[in-house]
Amino acid sequence: MPDSQQGSAVSDQLNLSARASAPIPKHCLICEAPLVVRFKEVRDFVTGEDFSILACSSCGLGVTSPAVADLARYYGPVYWGGRHAFTAEYCARRRVSLLASMARLPPGSRVLDFGSGDGNFLRRASREGWVSVGLEASFLPENSAPGGYEVFTNLDDVRTRGPFDAITLWHVLEHLPDPVATLRELERMLTPKGVIVIGVPDAQGVQAETLGAHWMHLDVPRHLYHFGRKSLEQLLARTSLSAFRWWNHEFEYDLMGWSQSTLSKAGLPVDFFEAVTGRIPFGVKWAASLACGSALSAAMLPLALKWGSSITVVARRVDPR
């Protein structure tokens, strides 16, 4: 199908006349194959607005449509803080442990956390004796970093602290306008034996396939892209990075995904996430939902270990011969 006809066909399916000024992508950013409609309507739990998700016909990469030029009002002042609530320390400890086992970093190694949020991972990494640096656009200068690490708001300042033995992107890649360009930039900041760790929601996993357009971790429009293993493999192929370890289980993401998404699919109020992160009172009905989510997560654990709600890849740079 010619580009103009394909773009028109996608527009007709999405019925985006009210957003006709927003360009609709036609081809995959990674492999350039045509995009098709995956979900016509996905609700943003913050604003109540509906968005669509297109998908690459080859690698399966999902693309949120229409793209929003100014995402500030979709994030709000607290989006990047308190995302893990009572699991924050557990999450940071697990991620540091994974990085330590994969990269075997000795004390004094330099670690960059790209998209460091409220610094939980950095605080834990600094306790390991690593020189810990964060990049976070939302970081306010008046919020000092008392945990023995540095946080910057732009990449130019971060470059002066490199090269890095490890660079982590914990659930950040899906927010970036151009993940290909970003990874190519970051791989140049690695030491010769350095590694990159990428964690993203698994949009082609069992939980995502089961819950469809109601899946919490679609998180439109903040998630610009929606990855699975195949699209991540294709993305890495566009760089000099080579994957050597994959895993698919983050308990808190599995738990929240089942609990919140099941409520949404049943047509019930969708503010469970706000309750468990302490932003609204946690009542009996949310406790019941948490119990339900816990049961589902436990029941799905054998599958989650292979096809969970998230997917993490560790890759190292391979110099061309």
C-alpha atoms as a PDB file:
ATOM      1  CA  MET A   1       0.000   0.000   0.000  1.00  0.00           C
ATOM      2  CA  PRO A   2       1.432   3.457  -0.863  1.00  0.00           C
ATOM      3  CA  ASP A   3       2.367   5.639   2.101  1.00  0.00           C
ATOM      4  CA  SER A   4      -0.440   8.134   1.523  1.00  0.00           C
ATOM      5  CA  GLN A   5      -3.078   5.400   1.288  1.00  0.00           C
ATOM      6  CA  GLN A   6      -1.700   3.564   4.314  1.00  0.00           C
ATOM      7  CA  GLY A   7      -1.694   6.733   6.422  1.00  0.00           C
ATOM      8  CA  SER A   8      -5.275   7.464   5.356  1.00  0.00           C
ATOM      9  CA  ALA A   9      -6.380   3.904   6.177  1.00  0.00           C
ATOM     10  CA  VAL A  10      -4.899   4.093   9.666  1.00  0.00           C
ATOM     11  CA  SER A  11      -6.539   7.498  10.216  1.00  0.00           C
ATOM     12  CA  ASP A  12      -9.920   6.102   9.184  1.00  0.00           C
ATOM     13  CA  GLN A  13      -9.603   3.161  11.573  1.00  0.00           C
ATOM     14  CA  LEU A  14      -8.641   5.396  14.480  1.00  0.00           C
ATOM     15  CA  ASN A  15     -11.285   8.037  13.736  1.00  0.00           C
ATOM     16  CA  LEU A  16      -8.887  10.792  14.778  1.00  0.00           C
ATOM     17  CA  SER A  17     -10.710  13.675  13.091  1.00  0.00           C
ATOM     18  CA  ALA A  18     -10.568  15.674  16.317  1.00  0.00           C
ATOM     19  CA  ARG A  19      -6.780  15.355  16.265  1.00  0.00           C
ATOM     20  CA  ALA A  20      -6.239  15.659  12.553  1.00  0.00           C
ATOM     21  CA  SER A  21      -3.356  18.061  13.100  1.00  0.00           C
ATOM     22  CA  ALA A  22      -1.333  15.373  14.943  1.00  0.00           C
ATOM     23  CA  PRO A  23       0.851  13.427  12.484  1.00  0.00           C
ATOM     24  CA  ILE A  24       0.219   9.692  12.418  1.00  0.00           C
ATOM     25  CA  PRO A  25       3.402   7.634  11.973  1.00  0.00           C
ATOM     26  CA  LYS A  26       3.400   5.237   9.023  1.00  0.00           C
ATOM     27  CA  HIS A  27       6.533   3.171   9.583  1.00  0.00           C
ATOM     28  CA  CYS A  28       8.354   1.579  12.506  1.00  0.00           C
ATOM     29  CA  LEU A  29      11.162   3.676  13.954  1.00  0.00           C
ATOM     30  CA  ILE A  30      13.310   0.560  14.333  1.00  0.00           C
ATOM     31  CA  CYS A  31      12.785  -1.658  11.291  1.00  0.00           C
ATOM     32  CA  GLU A  32      10.803   0.690   9.009  1.00  0.00           C
ATOM     33  CA  ALA A  33       8.030  -1.859   8.373  1.00  0.00           C
ATOM     34  CA  PRO A  34       4.431  -0.546   8.074  1.00  0.00           C
ATOM     35  CA  LEU A  35       2.428   0.200  11.216  1.00  0.00           C
ATOM     36  CA  VAL A  36      -1.065  -1.205  11.760  1.00  0.00           C
ATOM     37  CA  VAL A  37      -3.710  -0.461  14.402  1.00  0.00           C
ATOM     38  CA  ARG A  38      -3.397  -2.585  17.541  1.00  0.00           C
ATOM     39  CA  PHE A  39      -5.746  -0.766  19.948  1.00  0.00           C
ATOM     40  CA  LYS A  40      -8.163   1.943  18.832  1.00  0.00           C
ATOM     41  CA  GLU A  41      -8.852   3.302  22.321  1.00  0.00           C
ATOM     42  CA  VAL A  42      -6.609   3.192  25.385  1.00  0.00           C
ATOM     43  CA  ARG A  43      -7.602   5.362  28.331  1.00  0.00           C
ATOM     44  CA  ASP A  44      -5.079   7.601  30.127  1.00  0.00           C
ATOM     45  CA  PHE A  45      -5.738   7.006  33.822  1.00  0.00           C
ATOM     46  CA  VAL A  46      -4.524  10.533  34.694  1.00  0.00           C
ATOM     47  CA  THR A  47      -6.624  12.691  32.337  1.00  0.00           C
ATOM     48  CA  GLY A  48      -9.265  10.278  31.101  1.00  0.00           C
ATOM     49  CA  GLU A  49      -8.323  10.977  27.484  1.00  0.00           C
ATOM     50  CA  ASP A  50      -8.202   8.197  24.900  1.00  0.00           C
ATOM     51  CA  PHE A  51      -5.211   7.376  22.702  1.00  0.00           C
ATOM     52  CA  SER A  52      -4.515   4.659  20.161  1.00  0.00           C
ATOM     53  CA  ILE A  53      -1.624   2.248  19.817  1.00  0.00           C
ATOM     54  CA  LEU A  54      -0.197   1.241  16.468  1.00  0.00           C
ATOM     55  CA  ALA A  55       2.092  -1.755  16.066  1.00  0.00           C
ATOM     56  CA  CYS A  56       4.891  -2.660  13.686  1.00  0.00           C
ATOM     57  CA  SER A  57       3.842  -5.457  11.334  1.00  0.00           C
ATOM     58  CA  SER A  58       7.363  -6.943  11.562  1.00  0.00           C
ATOM     59  CA  CYS A  59       8.998  -6.498  14.993  1.00  0.00           C
ATOM     60  CA  GLY A  60       5.805  -5.702  16.936  1.00  0.00           C
ATOM     61  CA  LEU A  61       6.979  -2.350  18.366  1.00  0.00           C
ATOM     62  CA  GLY A  62       3.969  -0.417  19.667  1.00  0.00           C
ATOM     63  CA  VAL A  63       3.607   3.324  19.039  1.00  0.00           C
ATOM     64  CA  THR A  64       1.257   5.647  20.926  1.00  0.00           C
ATOM     65  CA  SER A  65      -0.825   7.839  18.620  1.00  0.00           C
ATOM     66  CA  PRO A  66      -1.223  10.709  18.444  1.00  0.00           C
ATOM     67  CA  ALA A  67       2.071  11.779  19.961  1.00  0.00           C
ATOM     68  CA  VAL A  68       1.674  14.672  22.390  1.00  0.00           C
ATOM     69  CA  ALA A  69       4.012  17.607  21.811  1.00  0.00           C
ATOM     70  CA  ASP A  70       3.839  18.859  25.416  1.00  0.00           C
ATOM     71  CA  LEU A  71       3.592  16.014  27.926  1.00  0.00           C
ATOM     72  CA  ALA A  72       3.965  18.189  31.042  1.00  0.00           C
ATOM     73  CA  ARG A  73       0.313  18.050  32.076  1.00  0.00           C
ATOM     74  CA  TYR A  74       0.234  14.281  31.609  1.00  0.00           C
ATOM     75  CA  TYR A  75       3.013  13.793  34.127  1.00  0.00           C
ATOM     76  CA  GLY A  76       2.063  16.202  36.864  1.00  0.00           C
ATOM     77  CA  PRO A  77       4.366  17.241  39.723  1.00  0.00           C
ATOM     78  CA  VAL A  78       4.664  13.804  41.387  1.00  0.00           C
ATOM     79  CA  TYR A  79       4.846  11.294  38.534  1.00  0.00           C
ATOM     80  CA  TRP A  80       8.581  10.642  38.906  1.00  0.00           C
ATOM     81  CA  GLY A  81       8.482  10.347  42.695  1.00  0.00           C
ATOM     82  CA  GLY A  82       6.987   7.596  44.829  1.00  0.00           C
ATOM     83  CA  ARG A  83       6.284   5.295  41.894  1.00  0.00           C
ATOM     84  CA  HIS A  84       7.150   2.176  43.871  1.00  0.00           C
ATOM     85  CA  ALA A  85       5.750   3.225  47.240  1.00  0.00           C
ATOM     86  CA  PHE A  86       6.298   0.405  49.786  1.00  0.00           C
ATOM     87  CA  THR A  87       8.345  -1.660  47.308  1.00  0.00           C
ATOM     88  CA  ALA A  88      10.887   1.115  46.610  1.00  0.00           C
ATOM     89  CA  GLU A  89      13.743  -0.281  48.698  1.00  0.00           C
ATOM     90  CA  TYR A  90      13.103  -3.842  47.554  1.00  0.00           C
ATOM     91  CA  CYS A  91      13.111  -2.702  43.916  1.00  0.00           C
ATOM     92  CA  ALA A  92      16.371  -0.756  44.279  1.00  0.00           C
ATOM     93  CA  ARG A  93      18.072  -3.639  46.099  1.00  0.00           C
ATOM     94  CA  ARG A  94      17.002  -6.133  43.429  1.00  0.00           C
ATOM     95  CA  ARG A  95      18.199  -3.936  40.572  1.00  0.00           C
ATOM     96  CA  VAL A  96      21.588  -3.323  42.191  1.00  0.00           C
ATOM     97  CA  SER A  97      21.941  -7.051  42.816  1.00  0.00           C
ATOM     98  CA  LEU A  98      21.163  -7.842  39.190  1.00  0.00           C
ATOM     99  CA  LEU A  99      23.661  -5.295  37.934  1.00  0.00           C
ATOM    100  CA  ALA A 100      26.337  -6.574  40.331  1.00  0.00           C
ATOM    101  CA  SER A 101      25.869 -10.173  39.223  1.00  0.00           C
ATOM    102  CA  MET A 102      25.793  -9.356  35.504  1.00  0.00           C
ATOM    103  CA  ALA A 103      28.570  -6.758  35.299  1.00  0.00           C
ATOM    104  CA  ARG A 104      30.683  -7.800  38.311  1.00  0.00           C
ATOM    105  CA  LEU A 105      31.560  -4.195  39.032  1.00  0.00           C
ATOM    106  CA  PRO A 106      34.287  -3.648  41.650  1.00  0.00           C
ATOM    107  CA  PRO A 107      34.098  -0.697  44.063  1.00  0.00           C
ATOM    108  CA  GLY A 108      34.958   2.556  42.315  1.00  0.00           C
ATOM    109  CA  SER A 109      33.197   1.569  39.083  1.00  0.00           C
ATOM    110  CA  ARG A 110      31.237   4.364  37.441  1.00  0.00           C
ATOM    111  CA  VAL A 111      27.491   3.873  36.993  1.00  0.00           C
ATOM    112  CA  LEU A 112      25.065   6.158  35.163  1.00  0.00           C
ATOM    113  CA  ASP A 113      21.345   5.819  35.841  1.00  0.00           C
ATOM    114  CA  PHE A 114      19.616   7.404  32.842  1.00  0.00           C
ATOM    115  CA  GLY A 115      16.251   8.704  34.067  1.00  0.00           C
ATOM    116  CA  SER A 116      17.044   8.357  37.763  1.00  0.00           C
ATOM    117  CA  GLY A 117      13.698   9.577  39.124  1.00  0.00           C
ATOM    118  CA  ASP A 118      13.792  10.101  42.872  1.00  0.00           C
ATOM    119  CA  GLY A 119      17.202   8.426  43.226  1.00  0.00           C
ATOM    120  CA  ASN A 120      16.325   5.125  44.949  1.00  0.00           C
ATOM    121  CA  PHE A 121      18.574   3.082  42.673  1.00  0.00           C
ATOM    122  CA  LEU A 122      21.421   5.624  42.908  1.00  0.00           C
ATOM    123  CA  ARG A 123      21.339   5.613  46.699  1.00  0.00           C
ATOM    124  CA  ARG A 124      21.625   1.854  46.773  1.00  0.00           C
ATOM    125  CA  ALA A 125      24.334   1.832  44.079  1.00  0.00           C
ATOM    126  CA  SER A 126      26.446   4.323  46.024  1.00  0.00           C
ATOM    127  CA  ARG A 127      26.329   1.991  49.049  1.00  0.00           C
ATOM    128  CA  GLU A 128      27.989  -0.639  46.869  1.00  0.00           C
ATOM    129  CA  GLY A 129      30.963   1.700  46.545  1.00  0.00           C
ATOM    130  CA  TRP A 130      30.172   2.646  42.953  1.00  0.00           C
ATOM    131  CA  VAL A 131      30.589   6.197  41.701  1.00  0.00           C
ATOM    132  CA  SER A 132      26.912   6.859  40.979  1.00  0.00           C
ATOM    133  CA  VAL A 133      25.638   9.502  38.555  1.00  0.00           C
ATOM    134  CA  GLY A 134      22.048  10.187  37.537  1.00  0.00           C
ATOM    135  CA  LEU A 135      20.372  12.010  34.672  1.00  0.00           C
ATOM    136  CA  GLU A 136      16.866  13.269  35.456  1.00  0.00           C
ATOM    137  CA  ALA A 137      15.216  16.168  33.626  1.00  0.00           C
ATOM    138  CA  SER A 138      12.721  16.641  36.489  1.00  0.00           C
ATOM    139  CA  PHE A 139      15.393  16.902  39.181  1.00  0.00           C
ATOM    140  CA  LEU A 140      15.281  20.230  41.009  1.00  0.00           C
ATOM    141  CA  PRO A 141      18.638  21.820  41.981  1.00  0.00           C
ATOM    142  CA  GLU A 142      17.363  22.592  45.479  1.00  0.00           C
ATOM    143  CA  ASN A 143      16.836  18.853  46.062  1.00  0.00           C
ATOM    144  CA  SER A 144      20.341  17.888  47.088  1.00  0.00           C
ATOM    145  CA  ALA A 145      21.505  14.314  46.666  1.00  0.00           C
ATOM    146  CA  PRO A 146      22.510  13.296  50.211  1.00  0.00           C
ATOM    147  CA  GLY A 147      23.124   9.664  49.308  1.00  0.00           C
ATOM    148  CA  GLY A 148      26.622  10.164  47.914  1.00  0.00           C
ATOM    149  CA  TYR A 149      25.680  10.488  44.271  1.00  0.00           C
ATOM    150  CA  GLU A 150      25.292  13.237  41.669  1.00  0.00           C
ATOM    151  CA  VAL A 151      22.246  14.072  39.562  1.00  0.00           C
ATOM    152  CA  PHE A 152      22.288  16.232  36.445  1.00  0.00           C
ATOM    153  CA  THR A 153      19.508  17.567  34.261  1.00  0.00           C
ATOM    154  CA  ASN A 154      21.277  17.487  30.891  1.00  0.00           C
ATOM    155  CA  LEU A 155      23.436  15.034  29.012  1.00  0.00           C
ATOM    156  CA  ASP A 156      26.316  17.437  28.382  1.00  0.00           C
ATOM    157  CA  ASP A 157      27.089  17.627  32.104  1.00  0.00           C
ATOM    158  CA  VAL A 158      26.841  13.857  32.437  1.00  0.00           C
ATOM    159  CA  ARG A 159      29.439  13.305  29.690  1.00  0.00           C
ATOM    160  CA  THR A 160      32.080  14.982  31.831  1.00  0.00           C
ATOM    161  CA  ARG A 161      31.626  12.229  34.458  1.00  0.00           C
ATOM    162  CA  GLY A 162      32.160   9.356  32.021  1.00  0.00           C
ATOM    163  CA  PRO A 163      33.094   6.987  30.616  1.00  0.00           C
ATOM    164  CA  PHE A 164      30.873   4.599  32.539  1.00  0.00           C
ATOM    165  CA  ASP A 165      31.275   0.934  33.395  1.00  0.00           C
ATOM    166  CA  ALA A 166      27.491   0.532  33.411  1.00  0.00           C
ATOM    167  CA  ILE A 167      24.527   2.559  32.207  1.00  0.00           C
ATOM    168  CA  THR A 168      21.015   1.668  33.376  1.00  0.00           C
ATOM    169  CA  LEU A 169      17.646   2.646  31.928  1.00  0.00           C
ATOM    170  CA  TRP A 170      15.002   1.367  34.328  1.00  0.00           C
ATOM    171  CA  HIS A 171      11.626   1.816  32.632  1.00  0.00           C
ATOM    172  CA  VAL A 172      12.804   4.917  30.804  1.00  0.00           C
ATOM    173  CA  LEU A 173      13.308   3.866  27.173  1.00  0.00           C
ATOM    174  CA  GLU A 174       9.571   3.780  26.486  1.00  0.00           C
ATOM    175  CA  HIS A 175       9.340   7.482  27.367  1.00  0.00           C
ATOM    176  CA  LEU A 176      11.997   8.665  24.919  1.00  0.00           C
ATOM    177  CA  PRO A 177      11.135  10.254  21.538  1.00  0.00           C
ATOM    178  CA  ASP A 178      14.021   8.515  19.734  1.00  0.00           C
ATOM    179  CA  PRO A 179      15.268   5.367  21.512  1.00  0.00           C
ATOM    180  CA  VAL A 180      17.605   4.476  18.622  1.00  0.00           C
ATOM    181  CA  ALA A 181      19.467   7.798  18.789  1.00  0.00           C
ATOM    182  CA  THR A 182      19.554   7.654  22.598  1.00  0.00           C
ATOM    183  CA  LEU A 183      21.172   4.205  22.719  1.00  0.00           C
ATOM    184  CA  ARG A 184      23.704   5.194  20.074  1.00  0.00           C
ATOM    185  CA  GLU A 185      24.627   8.211  22.190  1.00  0.00           C
ATOM    186  CA  LEU A 186      24.877   6.205  25.404  1.00  0.00           C
ATOM    187  CA  GLU A 187      26.986   3.394  23.934  1.00  0.00           C
ATOM    188  CA  ARG A 188      29.657   5.991  23.150  1.00  0.00           C
ATOM    189  CA  MET A 189      29.785   6.805  26.869  1.00  0.00           C
ATOM    190  CA  LEU A 190      30.674   3.235  27.895  1.00  0.00           C
ATOM    191  CA  THR A 191      34.096   1.889  28.794  1.00  0.00           C
ATOM    192  CA  PRO A 192      35.327  -0.862  26.411  1.00  0.00           C
ATOM    193  CA  LYS A 193      33.877  -3.586  28.688  1.00  0.00           C
ATOM    194  CA  GLY A 194      30.913  -1.556  29.874  1.00  0.00           C
ATOM    195  CA  VAL A 195      27.297  -2.798  29.899  1.00  0.00           C
ATOM    196  CA  ILE A 196      23.884  -1.250  29.361  1.00  0.00           C
ATOM    197  CA  VAL A 197      20.838  -2.509  31.256  1.00  0.00           C
ATOM    198  CA  ILE A 198      17.396  -1.752  29.808  1.00  0.00           C
ATOM    199  CA  GLY A 199      14.151  -2.520  31.598  1.00  0.00           C
ATOM    200  CA  VAL A 200      10.775  -1.877  29.927  1.00  0.00           C
ATOM    201  CA  PRO A 201       7.175  -3.112  30.231  1.00  0.00           C
ATOM    202  CA  ASP A 202       6.783  -6.262  28.127  1.00  0.00           C
ATOM    203  CA  ALA A 203       4.004  -5.265  25.714  1.00  0.00           C
ATOM    204  CA  GLN A 204       4.097  -8.732  24.138  1.00  0.00           C
ATOM    205  CA  GLY A 205       4.068 -10.700  27.400  1.00  0.00           C
ATOM    206  CA  VAL A 206       1.310 -12.834  28.913  1.00  0.00           C
ATOM    207  CA  GLN A 207      -0.017 -10.057  31.142  1.00  0.00           C
ATOM    208  CA  ALA A 208      -0.189  -7.550  28.288  1.00  0.00           C
ATOM    209  CA  GLU A 209      -1.851 -10.034  25.935  1.00  0.00           C
ATOM    210  CA  THR A 210      -4.377 -11.040  28.606  1.00  0.00           C
ATOM    211  CA  LEU A 211      -5.414  -7.528  29.609  1.00  0.00           C
ATOM    212  CA  GLY A 212      -5.261  -5.879  26.193  1.00  0.00           C
ATOM    213  CA  ALA A 213      -6.154  -2.178  26.019  1.00  0.00           C
ATOM    214  CA  HIS A 214      -6.815  -2.142  29.788  1.00  0.00           C
ATOM    215  CA  TRP A 215      -3.225  -3.079  30.674  1.00  0.00           C
ATOM    216  CA  MET A 216      -1.940  -0.530  33.162  1.00  0.00           C
ATOM    217  CA  HIS A 217       1.619  -0.551  31.847  1.00  0.00           C
ATOM    218  CA  LEU A 218       0.598   0.833  28.457  1.00  0.00           C
ATOM    219  CA  ASP A 219       0.494   4.138  30.406  1.00  0.00           C
ATOM    220  CA  VAL A 220      -0.454   6.324  27.421  1.00  0.00           C
ATOM    221  CA  PRO A 221       0.517   8.950  26.413  1.00  0.00           C
ATOM    222  CA  ARG A 222       3.600   8.959  28.656  1.00  0.00           C
ATOM    223  CA  HIS A 223       4.820   5.712  27.106  1.00  0.00           C
ATOM    224  CA  LEU A 224       5.592   6.695  23.543  1.00  0.00           C
ATOM    225  CA  TYR A 225       6.714   3.183  22.581  1.00  0.00           C
ATOM    226  CA  HIS A 226       5.764  -0.331  23.687  1.00  0.00           C
ATOM    227  CA  PHE A 227       8.491  -2.977  23.469  1.00  0.00           C
ATOM    228  CA  GLY A 228       8.662  -6.762  23.450  1.00  0.00           C
ATOM    229  CA  ARG A 229      11.681  -9.012  23.129  1.00  0.00           C
ATOM    230  CA  LYS A 230      11.654  -8.997  19.321  1.00  0.00           C
ATOM    231  CA  SER A 231      11.540  -5.200  19.061  1.00  0.00           C
ATOM    232  CA  LEU A 232      14.309  -4.871  21.668  1.00  0.00           C
ATOM    233  CA  GLU A 233      16.452  -7.300  19.692  1.00  0.00           C
ATOM    234  CA  GLN A 234      15.851  -5.246  16.548  1.00  0.00           C
ATOM    235  CA  LEU A 235      16.658  -2.048  18.443  1.00  0.00           C
ATOM    236  CA  LEU A 236      19.983  -3.397  19.718  1.00  0.00           C
ATOM    237  CA  ALA A 237      20.812  -4.515  16.179  1.00  0.00           C
ATOM    238  CA  ARG A 238      20.760  -0.841  15.187  1.00  0.00           C
ATOM    239  CA  THR A 239      23.640  -0.213  17.628  1.00  0.00           C
ATOM    240  CA  SER A 240      26.950  -1.875  18.501  1.00  0.00           C
ATOM    241  CA  LEU A 241      25.339  -3.477  21.572  1.00  0.00           C
ATOM    242  CA  SER A 242      24.907  -7.229  21.905  1.00  0.00           C
ATOM    243  CA  ALA A 243      22.511  -8.786  24.448  1.00  0.00           C
ATOM    244  CA  PHE A 244      23.871 -11.516  26.724  1.00  0.00           C
ATOM    245  CA  ARG A 245      21.187 -11.822  29.434  1.00  0.00           C
ATOM    246  CA  TRP A 246      17.387 -11.508  29.568  1.00  0.00           C
ATOM    247  CA  TRP A 247      14.895 -11.857  32.393  1.00  0.00           C
ATOM    248  CA  ASN A 248      11.188 -11.215  32.716  1.00  0.00           C
ATOM    249  CA  HIS A 249      10.061 -10.860  36.291  1.00  0.00           C
ATOM    250  CA  GLU A 250       9.631  -7.807  38.529  1.00  0.00           C
ATOM    251  CA  PHE A 251       7.133  -8.724  41.226  1.00  0.00           C
ATOM    252  CA  GLU A 252       5.849  -5.217  41.938  1.00  0.00           C
ATOM    253  CA  TYR A 253       5.165  -4.586  38.247  1.00  0.00           C
ATOM    254  CA  ASP A 254       3.355  -7.915  37.934  1.00  0.00           C
ATOM    255  CA  LEU A 255       1.333  -7.186  41.074  1.00  0.00           C
ATOM    256  CA  MET A 256       0.322  -3.666  40.061  1.00  0.00           C
ATOM    257  CA  GLY A 257      -0.402  -4.743  36.510  1.00  0.00           C
ATOM    258  CA  TRP A 258      -2.862  -7.476  37.521  1.00  0.00           C
ATOM    259  CA  SER A 259      -4.537  -5.444  40.287  1.00  0.00           C
ATOM    260  CA  GLN A 260      -5.024  -2.100  38.541  1.00  0.00           C
ATOM    261  CA  SER A 261      -5.721  -3.533  35.095  1.00  0.00           C
ATOM    262  CA  THR A 262      -8.284  -6.037  36.358  1.00  0.00           C
ATOM    263  CA  LEU A 263     -10.197  -3.203  38.022  1.00  0.00           C
ATOM    264  CA  SER A 264     -10.090  -1.228  34.800  1.00  0.00           C
ATOM    265  CA  LYS A 265     -11.237  -4.165  32.689  1.00  0.00           C
ATOM    266  CA  ALA A 266     -14.163  -4.744  35.082  1.00  0.00           C
ATOM    267  CA  GLY A 267     -15.226  -1.121  34.688  1.00  0.00           C
ATOM    268  CA  LEU A 268     -14.419  -0.230  38.303  1.00  0.00           C
ATOM    269  CA  PRO A 269     -12.645   2.968  39.470  1.00  0.00           C
ATOM    270  CA  VAL A 270      -9.032   2.958  38.339  1.00  0.00           C
ATOM    271  CA  ASP A 271      -7.316   4.828  41.185  1.00  0.00           C
ATOM    272  CA  PHE A 272      -5.878   1.716  42.876  1.00  0.00           C
ATOM    273  CA  PHE A 273      -2.380   2.878  41.915  1.00  0.00           C
ATOM    274  CA  GLU A 274      -2.994   6.183  43.694  1.00  0.00           C
ATOM    275  CA  ALA A 275      -4.071   4.278  46.806  1.00  0.00           C
ATOM    276  CA  VAL A 276      -1.023   2.032  47.122  1.00  0.00           C
ATOM    277  CA  THR A 277       1.345   4.954  46.499  1.00  0.00           C
ATOM    278  CA  GLY A 278      -0.265   6.901  49.357  1.00  0.00           C
ATOM    279  CA  ARG A 279      -1.887   9.653  47.296  1.00  0.00           C
ATOM    280  CA  ILE A 280      -5.418   8.749  48.352  1.00  0.00           C
ATOM    281  CA  PRO A 281      -6.606   6.761  51.410  1.00  0.00           C
ATOM    282  CA  PHE A 282      -6.096   3.014  51.158  1.00  0.00           C
ATOM    283  CA  GLY A 283      -9.453   1.451  51.981  1.00  0.00           C
ATOM    284  CA  VAL A 284     -10.981  -2.013  52.225  1.00  0.00           C
ATOM    285  CA  LYS A 285     -11.862  -2.217  48.534  1.00  0.00           C
ATOM    286  CA  TRP A 286      -8.239  -1.523  47.563  1.00  0.00           C
ATOM    287  CA  ALA A 287      -7.033  -4.144  50.030  1.00  0.00           C
ATOM    288  CA  ALA A 288      -9.309  -6.659  48.308  1.00  0.00           C
ATOM    289  CA  SER A 289      -7.907  -5.650  44.933  1.00  0.00           C
ATOM    290  CA  LEU A 290      -4.358  -6.007  46.252  1.00  0.00           C
ATOM    291  CA  ALA A 291      -5.155  -9.484  47.538  1.00  0.00           C
ATOM    292  CA  CYS A 292      -6.636 -10.382  44.165  1.00  0.00           C
ATOM    293  CA  GLY A 293      -3.568  -9.028  42.366  1.00  0.00           C
ATOM    294  CA  SER A 294      -1.247 -10.919  44.713  1.00  0.00           C
ATOM    295  CA  ALA A 295      -3.085 -14.162  44.067  1.00  0.00           C
ATOM    296  CA  LEU A 296      -2.948 -13.663  40.316  1.00  0.00           C
ATOM    297  CA  SER A 297       0.743 -12.762  40.449  1.00  0.00           C
ATOM    298  CA  ALA A 298       1.532 -15.877  42.466  1.00  0.00           C
ATOM    299  CA  ALA A 299      -0.559 -18.057  40.171  1.00  0.00           C
ATOM    300  CA  MET A 300       1.148 -16.657  37.094  1.00  0.00           C
ATOM    301  CA  LEU A 301       4.679 -16.788  38.525  1.00  0.00           C
ATOM    302  CA  PRO A 302       5.830 -19.776  36.430  1.00  0.00           C
ATOM    303  CA  LEU A 303       4.753 -17.915  33.306  1.00  0.00           C
ATOM    304  CA  ALA A 304       5.965 -14.555  34.592  1.00  0.00           C
ATOM    305  CA  LEU A 305       9.481 -15.898  34.870  1.00  0.00           C
ATOM    306  CA  LYS A 306       9.442 -16.211  31.113  1.00  0.00           C
ATOM    307  CA  TRP A 307       6.697 -13.799  30.023  1.00  0.00           C
ATOM    308  CA  GLY A 308       6.120 -11.366  32.877  1.00  0.00           C
ATOM    309  CA  SER A 309       4.846  -7.803  32.892  1.00  0.00           C
ATOM    310  CA  SER A 310       8.336  -6.450  32.203  1.00  0.00           C
ATOM    311  CA  ILE A 311      11.419  -7.438  30.260  1.00  0.00           C
ATOM    312  CA  THR A 312      15.035  -6.581  31.082  1.00  0.00           C
ATOM    313  CA  VAL A 313      18.057  -7.019  28.859  1.00  0.00           C
ATOM    314  CA  VAL A 314      21.754  -6.638  29.619  1.00  0.00           C
ATOM    315  CA  ALA A 315      23.970  -5.810  26.643  1.00  0.00           C
ATOM    316  CA  ARG A 316      27.628  -5.048  26.097  1.00  0.00           C
ATOM    317  CA  ARG A 317      29.343  -3.140  23.327  1.00  0.00           C
ATOM    318  CA  VAL A 318      30.845  -5.265  20.587  1.00  0.00           C
ATOM    319  CA  ASP A 319      33.523  -3.435  18.636  1.00  0.00           C
ATOM    320  CA  PRO A 320      33.343  -4.014  14.873  1.00  0.00           C
ATOM    321  CA  ARG A 321      36.186  -6.129  13.507  1.00  0.00           C
END
